[in-house]
């Protein structure tokens, strides 16, 4: 295997449908991977569906981009529920009305018990 090719140099087997020379990443195209040069690594969901916000420092869904609550460094923090770093997470993030960010699945589970932001305690409805 050579890190500069998507195929085994010995037998020619393809490692993955998607190959990123920058990240040295091989994976299937099922999750629509793409490399964001501004984020500095590969993301999933399809480049055609996301736009990088230079203020937030994150790729934002294009359908939400024009109305997103831009806050510098918002995604350079841990999810307040599971503590995973939001910026490099492969899980979808959710923007609370107060501007804080949380994983969508963590928000969904939290909302079943409490409708407040886990950071500032403002109502999330």
Foldseek 3Di string as FASTA:
>chain_A
DDLQDQADPPPGDGNAPDADSQASDHYYCPQPWDADVQLRGIAGDHPVQWDADPQCSATDGPVCVVPADGDHVLQQFAALQPRHRRSPDRADWDAFPVGHIHGPVSQVVVCVPAQADPPPRHGRD
